[in-house]
PDB file of all heavy atoms in Angstrom:
ATOM      1  N   MET A   1     -19.269 -62.280 -37.789  1.00  0.00           N
ATOM      2  CA  MET A   1     -18.721 -61.422 -36.752  1.00  0.00           C
ATOM      3  C   MET A   1     -17.278 -60.957 -37.177  1.00  0.00           C
ATOM      4  O   MET A   1     -16.454 -61.611 -37.495  1.00  0.00           O
ATOM      5  CB  MET A   1     -18.488 -62.252 -35.432  1.00  0.00           C
ATOM      6  CG  MET A   1     -19.819 -62.695 -34.721  1.00  0.00           C
ATOM      7  SD  MET A   1     -19.492 -63.498 -33.220  1.00  0.00           S
ATOM      8  CE  MET A   1     -18.669 -65.002 -33.883  1.00  0.00           C
ATOM      9  N   VAL A   2     -17.302 -59.519 -37.458  1.00  0.00           N
ATOM     10  CA  VAL A   2     -16.040 -58.895 -37.968  1.00  0.00           C
ATOM     11  C   VAL A   2     -15.444 -57.932 -36.920  1.00  0.00           C
ATOM     12  O   VAL A   2     -14.295 -57.951 -36.711  1.00  0.00           O
ATOM     13  CB  VAL A   2     -16.498 -58.139 -39.277  1.00  0.00           C
ATOM     14  CG1 VAL A   2     -15.219 -57.371 -39.818  1.00  0.00           C
ATOM     15  CG2 VAL A   2     -17.084 -58.985 -40.296  1.00  0.00           C
ATOM     16  N   ASP A   3     -16.272 -57.104 -36.322  1.00  0.00           N
ATOM     17  CA  ASP A   3     -15.721 -56.192 -35.394  1.00  0.00           C
ATOM     18  C   ASP A   3     -15.863 -56.616 -33.981  1.00  0.00           C
ATOM     19  O   ASP A   3     -16.907 -56.802 -33.368  1.00  0.00           O
ATOM     20  CB  ASP A   3     -16.580 -54.839 -35.479  1.00  0.00           C
ATOM     21  CG  ASP A   3     -16.121 -53.736 -34.525  1.00  0.00           C
ATOM     22  OD1 ASP A   3     -15.085 -53.831 -33.986  1.00  0.00           O
ATOM     23  OD2 ASP A   3     -16.774 -52.802 -34.324  1.00  0.00           O
ATOM     24  N   TRP A   4     -14.710 -57.058 -33.359  1.00  0.00           N
ATOM     25  CA  TRP A   4     -14.652 -57.467 -31.996  1.00  0.00           C
ATOM     26  C   TRP A   4     -14.314 -56.480 -31.008  1.00  0.00           C
ATOM     27  O   TRP A   4     -14.329 -56.805 -29.813  1.00  0.00           O
ATOM     28  CB  TRP A   4     -13.478 -58.663 -32.017  1.00  0.00           C
ATOM     29  CG  TRP A   4     -13.866 -59.874 -32.824  1.00  0.00           C
ATOM     30  CD1 TRP A   4     -13.466 -60.037 -34.032  1.00  0.00           C
ATOM     31  CD2 TRP A   4     -14.590 -61.009 -32.430  1.00  0.00           C
ATOM     32  NE1 TRP A   4     -14.024 -61.283 -34.493  1.00  0.00           N
ATOM     33  CE2 TRP A   4     -14.609 -61.910 -33.395  1.00  0.00           C
ATOM     34  CE3 TRP A   4     -15.142 -61.345 -31.174  1.00  0.00           C
ATOM     35  CZ2 TRP A   4     -15.271 -63.104 -33.409  1.00  0.00           C
ATOM     36  CZ3 TRP A   4     -15.882 -62.592 -31.193  1.00  0.00           C
ATOM     37  CH2 TRP A   4     -15.894 -63.372 -32.199  1.00  0.00           C
ATOM     38  N   GLN A   5     -14.092 -55.254 -31.395  1.00  0.00           N
ATOM     39  CA  GLN A   5     -13.752 -54.192 -30.468  1.00  0.00           C
ATOM     40  C   GLN A   5     -14.981 -54.040 -29.402  1.00  0.00           C
ATOM     41  O   GLN A   5     -16.030 -53.820 -29.734  1.00  0.00           O
ATOM     42  CB  GLN A   5     -13.706 -52.954 -31.205  1.00  0.00           C
ATOM     43  CG  GLN A   5     -13.065 -51.866 -30.358  1.00  0.00           C
ATOM     44  CD  GLN A   5     -11.599 -52.014 -29.932  1.00  0.00           C
ATOM     45  OE1 GLN A   5     -10.858 -52.475 -30.720  1.00  0.00           O
ATOM     46  NE2 GLN A   5     -11.297 -51.818 -28.742  1.00  0.00           N
ATOM     47  N   GLY A   6     -14.473 -54.209 -28.089  1.00  0.00           N
ATOM     48  CA  GLY A   6     -15.418 -54.038 -27.043  1.00  0.00           C
ATOM     49  C   GLY A   6     -16.358 -55.197 -26.801  1.00  0.00           C
ATOM     50  O   GLY A   6     -17.217 -55.156 -25.736  1.00  0.00           O
ATOM     51  N   LYS A   7     -16.322 -56.290 -27.667  1.00  0.00           N
ATOM     52  CA  LYS A   7     -17.305 -57.396 -27.362  1.00  0.00           C
ATOM     53  C   LYS A   7     -16.793 -58.216 -26.282  1.00  0.00           C
ATOM     54  O   LYS A   7     -15.676 -58.411 -25.992  1.00  0.00           O
ATOM     55  CB  LYS A   7     -17.309 -58.178 -28.679  1.00  0.00           C
ATOM     56  CG  LYS A   7     -17.849 -57.493 -29.855  1.00  0.00           C
ATOM     57  CD  LYS A   7     -19.252 -57.183 -29.806  1.00  0.00           C
ATOM     58  CE  LYS A   7     -19.922 -56.692 -31.090  1.00  0.00           C
ATOM     59  NZ  LYS A   7     -19.354 -55.446 -31.595  1.00  0.00           N
ATOM     60  N   SER A   8     -17.937 -58.675 -25.575  1.00  0.00           N
ATOM     61  CA  SER A   8     -17.646 -59.594 -24.406  1.00  0.00           C
ATOM     62  C   SER A   8     -17.667 -61.057 -24.808  1.00  0.00           C
ATOM     63  O   SER A   8     -18.642 -61.553 -25.338  1.00  0.00           O
ATOM     64  CB  SER A   8     -18.681 -59.396 -23.288  1.00  0.00           C
ATOM     65  OG  SER A   8     -18.606 -60.182 -22.158  1.00  0.00           O
ATOM     66  N   VAL A   9     -16.453 -61.680 -24.626  1.00  0.00           N
ATOM     67  CA  VAL A   9     -16.362 -62.981 -25.145  1.00  0.00           C
ATOM     68  C   VAL A   9     -15.948 -64.011 -24.016  1.00  0.00           C
ATOM     69  O   VAL A   9     -14.978 -63.585 -23.300  1.00  0.00           O
ATOM     70  CB  VAL A   9     -15.266 -63.118 -26.251  1.00  0.00           C
ATOM     71  CG1 VAL A   9     -15.094 -64.500 -26.695  1.00  0.00           C
ATOM     72  CG2 VAL A   9     -15.639 -62.224 -27.436  1.00  0.00           C
ATOM     73  N   TRP A  10     -16.701 -65.075 -23.851  1.00  0.00           N
ATOM     74  CA  TRP A  10     -16.287 -66.054 -22.828  1.00  0.00           C
ATOM     75  C   TRP A  10     -15.749 -67.281 -23.539  1.00  0.00           C
ATOM     76  O   TRP A  10     -16.605 -67.840 -24.409  1.00  0.00           O
ATOM     77  CB  TRP A  10     -17.486 -66.316 -21.866  1.00  0.00           C
ATOM     78  CG  TRP A  10     -17.180 -67.278 -20.840  1.00  0.00           C
ATOM     79  CD1 TRP A  10     -16.149 -67.446 -20.147  1.00  0.00           C
ATOM     80  CD2 TRP A  10     -18.147 -68.300 -20.231  1.00  0.00           C
ATOM     81  NE1 TRP A  10     -16.208 -68.403 -19.134  1.00  0.00           N
ATOM     82  CE2 TRP A  10     -17.381 -68.903 -19.214  1.00  0.00           C
ATOM     83  CE3 TRP A  10     -19.428 -68.545 -20.526  1.00  0.00           C
ATOM     84  CZ2 TRP A  10     -18.106 -69.905 -18.452  1.00  0.00           C
ATOM     85  CZ3 TRP A  10     -20.020 -69.532 -19.765  1.00  0.00           C
ATOM     86  CH2 TRP A  10     -19.393 -70.150 -18.680  1.00  0.00           C
ATOM     87  N   ILE A  11     -14.629 -67.932 -23.251  1.00  0.00           N
ATOM     88  CA  ILE A  11     -14.081 -69.053 -23.901  1.00  0.00           C
ATOM     89  C   ILE A  11     -13.932 -70.090 -22.770  1.00  0.00           C
ATOM     90  O   ILE A  11     -13.100 -69.911 -21.780  1.00  0.00           O
ATOM     91  CB  ILE A  11     -12.726 -68.781 -24.600  1.00  0.00           C
ATOM     92  CG1 ILE A  11     -12.866 -67.678 -25.689  1.00  0.00           C
ATOM     93  CG2 ILE A  11     -12.257 -70.118 -25.207  1.00  0.00           C
ATOM     94  CD1 ILE A  11     -11.682 -67.311 -26.476  1.00  0.00           C
ATOM     95  N   VAL A  12     -14.579 -71.203 -22.901  1.00  0.00           N
ATOM     96  CA  VAL A  12     -14.458 -72.297 -21.974  1.00  0.00           C
ATOM     97  C   VAL A  12     -13.559 -73.287 -22.467  1.00  0.00           C
ATOM     98  O   VAL A  12     -13.772 -73.865 -23.606  1.00  0.00           O
ATOM     99  CB  VAL A  12     -15.869 -72.765 -21.573  1.00  0.00           C
ATOM    100  CG1 VAL A  12     -15.809 -74.005 -20.536  1.00  0.00           C
ATOM    101  CG2 VAL A  12     -16.814 -71.816 -21.065  1.00  0.00           C
ATOM    102  N   GLY A  13     -12.440 -73.602 -21.769  1.00  0.00           N
ATOM    103  CA  GLY A  13     -11.434 -74.465 -22.175  1.00  0.00           C
ATOM    104  C   GLY A  13     -10.295 -73.757 -22.909  1.00  0.00           C
ATOM    105  O   GLY A  13      -9.856 -73.968 -23.976  1.00  0.00           O
ATOM    106  N   ALA A  14      -9.819 -72.692 -22.217  1.00  0.00           N
ATOM    107  CA  ALA A  14      -8.818 -71.786 -22.773  1.00  0.00           C
ATOM    108  C   ALA A  14      -7.424 -71.687 -22.001  1.00  0.00           C
ATOM    109  O   ALA A  14      -6.772 -70.832 -22.108  1.00  0.00           O
ATOM    110  CB  ALA A  14      -9.502 -70.297 -22.668  1.00  0.00           C
ATOM    111  N   SER A  15      -7.152 -72.763 -21.448  1.00  0.00           N
ATOM    112  CA  SER A  15      -5.857 -72.868 -20.662  1.00  0.00           C
ATOM    113  C   SER A  15      -4.847 -73.233 -21.640  1.00  0.00           C
ATOM    114  O   SER A  15      -3.545 -73.051 -21.322  1.00  0.00           O
ATOM    115  CB  SER A  15      -5.914 -73.830 -19.577  1.00  0.00           C
ATOM    116  OG  SER A  15      -6.294 -75.176 -19.930  1.00  0.00           O
ATOM    117  N   SER A  16      -5.044 -73.785 -22.800  1.00  0.00           N
ATOM    118  CA  SER A  16      -4.068 -74.230 -23.742  1.00  0.00           C
ATOM    119  C   SER A  16      -4.582 -74.461 -25.097  1.00  0.00           C
ATOM    120  O   SER A  16      -5.877 -74.376 -25.214  1.00  0.00           O
ATOM    121  CB  SER A  16      -3.315 -75.515 -23.183  1.00  0.00           C
ATOM    122  OG  SER A  16      -4.241 -76.555 -23.253  1.00  0.00           O
ATOM    123  N   GLY A  17      -3.914 -74.716 -26.006  1.00  0.00           N
ATOM    124  CA  GLY A  17      -4.323 -75.144 -27.286  1.00  0.00           C
ATOM    125  C   GLY A  17      -5.177 -74.117 -28.045  1.00  0.00           C
ATOM    126  O   GLY A  17      -4.996 -72.955 -28.058  1.00  0.00           O
ATOM    127  N   ILE A  18      -6.182 -74.594 -28.721  1.00  0.00           N
ATOM    128  CA  ILE A  18      -7.126 -73.796 -29.638  1.00  0.00           C
ATOM    129  C   ILE A  18      -7.686 -72.788 -28.744  1.00  0.00           C
ATOM    130  O   ILE A  18      -7.793 -71.479 -29.197  1.00  0.00           O
ATOM    131  CB  ILE A  18      -8.107 -74.716 -30.203  1.00  0.00           C
ATOM    132  CG1 ILE A  18      -7.444 -75.668 -31.224  1.00  0.00           C
ATOM    133  CG2 ILE A  18      -9.029 -73.772 -31.066  1.00  0.00           C
ATOM    134  CD1 ILE A  18      -8.438 -76.693 -31.844  1.00  0.00           C
ATOM    135  N   GLY A  19      -8.149 -73.016 -27.609  1.00  0.00           N
ATOM    136  CA  GLY A  19      -8.865 -72.074 -26.782  1.00  0.00           C
ATOM    137  C   GLY A  19      -7.978 -70.916 -26.423  1.00  0.00           C
ATOM    138  O   GLY A  19      -8.465 -69.715 -26.526  1.00  0.00           O
ATOM    139  N   GLU A  20      -6.778 -71.161 -25.928  1.00  0.00           N
ATOM    140  CA  GLU A  20      -5.918 -70.190 -25.470  1.00  0.00           C
ATOM    141  C   GLU A  20      -5.501 -69.294 -26.700  1.00  0.00           C
ATOM    142  O   GLU A  20      -5.438 -68.071 -26.644  1.00  0.00           O
ATOM    143  CB  GLU A  20      -4.686 -70.782 -24.839  1.00  0.00           C
ATOM    144  CG  GLU A  20      -3.629 -69.689 -24.433  1.00  0.00           C
ATOM    145  CD  GLU A  20      -2.346 -70.282 -24.035  1.00  0.00           C
ATOM    146  OE1 GLU A  20      -2.087 -71.441 -24.340  1.00  0.00           O
ATOM    147  OE2 GLU A  20      -1.520 -69.494 -23.384  1.00  0.00           O
ATOM    148  N   ALA A  21      -5.208 -69.933 -27.828  1.00  0.00           N
ATOM    149  CA  ALA A  21      -4.828 -69.155 -29.091  1.00  0.00           C
ATOM    150  C   ALA A  21      -5.948 -68.257 -29.574  1.00  0.00           C
ATOM    151  O   ALA A  21      -5.691 -67.087 -29.880  1.00  0.00           O
ATOM    152  CB  ALA A  21      -4.446 -70.108 -30.180  1.00  0.00           C
ATOM    153  N   THR A  22      -7.210 -68.774 -29.466  1.00  0.00           N
ATOM    154  CA  THR A  22      -8.353 -68.030 -29.896  1.00  0.00           C
ATOM    155  C   THR A  22      -8.535 -66.818 -28.922  1.00  0.00           C
ATOM    156  O   THR A  22      -8.758 -65.699 -29.461  1.00  0.00           O
ATOM    157  CB  THR A  22      -9.554 -68.728 -30.007  1.00  0.00           C
ATOM    158  OG1 THR A  22      -9.346 -70.018 -30.924  1.00  0.00           O
ATOM    159  CG2 THR A  22     -10.717 -68.075 -30.592  1.00  0.00           C
ATOM    160  N   ALA A  23      -8.364 -67.026 -27.593  1.00  0.00           N
ATOM    161  CA  ALA A  23      -8.565 -65.988 -26.691  1.00  0.00           C
ATOM    162  C   ALA A  23      -7.526 -64.901 -26.938  1.00  0.00           C
ATOM    163  O   ALA A  23      -7.821 -63.658 -26.898  1.00  0.00           O
ATOM    164  CB  ALA A  23      -8.335 -66.526 -25.322  1.00  0.00           C
ATOM    165  N   SER A  24      -6.245 -65.277 -27.275  1.00  0.00           N
ATOM    166  CA  SER A  24      -5.275 -64.286 -27.540  1.00  0.00           C
ATOM    167  C   SER A  24      -5.508 -63.350 -28.788  1.00  0.00           C
ATOM    168  O   SER A  24      -5.268 -62.267 -28.828  1.00  0.00           O
ATOM    169  CB  SER A  24      -3.872 -65.112 -27.696  1.00  0.00           C
ATOM    170  OG  SER A  24      -2.762 -64.128 -27.839  1.00  0.00           O
ATOM    171  N   VAL A  25      -6.007 -64.064 -29.893  1.00  0.00           N
ATOM    172  CA  VAL A  25      -6.280 -63.347 -30.976  1.00  0.00           C
ATOM    173  C   VAL A  25      -7.392 -62.411 -30.904  1.00  0.00           C
ATOM    174  O   VAL A  25      -7.434 -61.257 -31.187  1.00  0.00           O
ATOM    175  CB  VAL A  25      -6.607 -64.368 -32.249  1.00  0.00           C
ATOM    176  CG1 VAL A  25      -7.160 -63.521 -33.351  1.00  0.00           C
ATOM    177  CG2 VAL A  25      -5.352 -65.142 -32.625  1.00  0.00           C
ATOM    178  N   LEU A  26      -8.577 -62.826 -30.196  1.00  0.00           N
ATOM    179  CA  LEU A  26      -9.729 -61.987 -29.925  1.00  0.00           C
ATOM    180  C   LEU A  26      -9.272 -60.864 -29.080  1.00  0.00           C
ATOM    181  O   LEU A  26      -9.822 -59.757 -29.195  1.00  0.00           O
ATOM    182  CB  LEU A  26     -10.884 -62.763 -29.477  1.00  0.00           C
ATOM    183  CG  LEU A  26     -11.395 -63.865 -30.411  1.00  0.00           C
ATOM    184  CD1 LEU A  26     -12.631 -64.577 -29.702  1.00  0.00           C
ATOM    185  CD2 LEU A  26     -11.712 -63.189 -31.671  1.00  0.00           C
TER     186      LEU A  26
END
């Protein structure tokens, strides 16, 4: 997965830590 533009991503466990940081980057 290279192009994230417009992709629908659901992150479960995203209130802090790795999940939050990954959500921010994506």
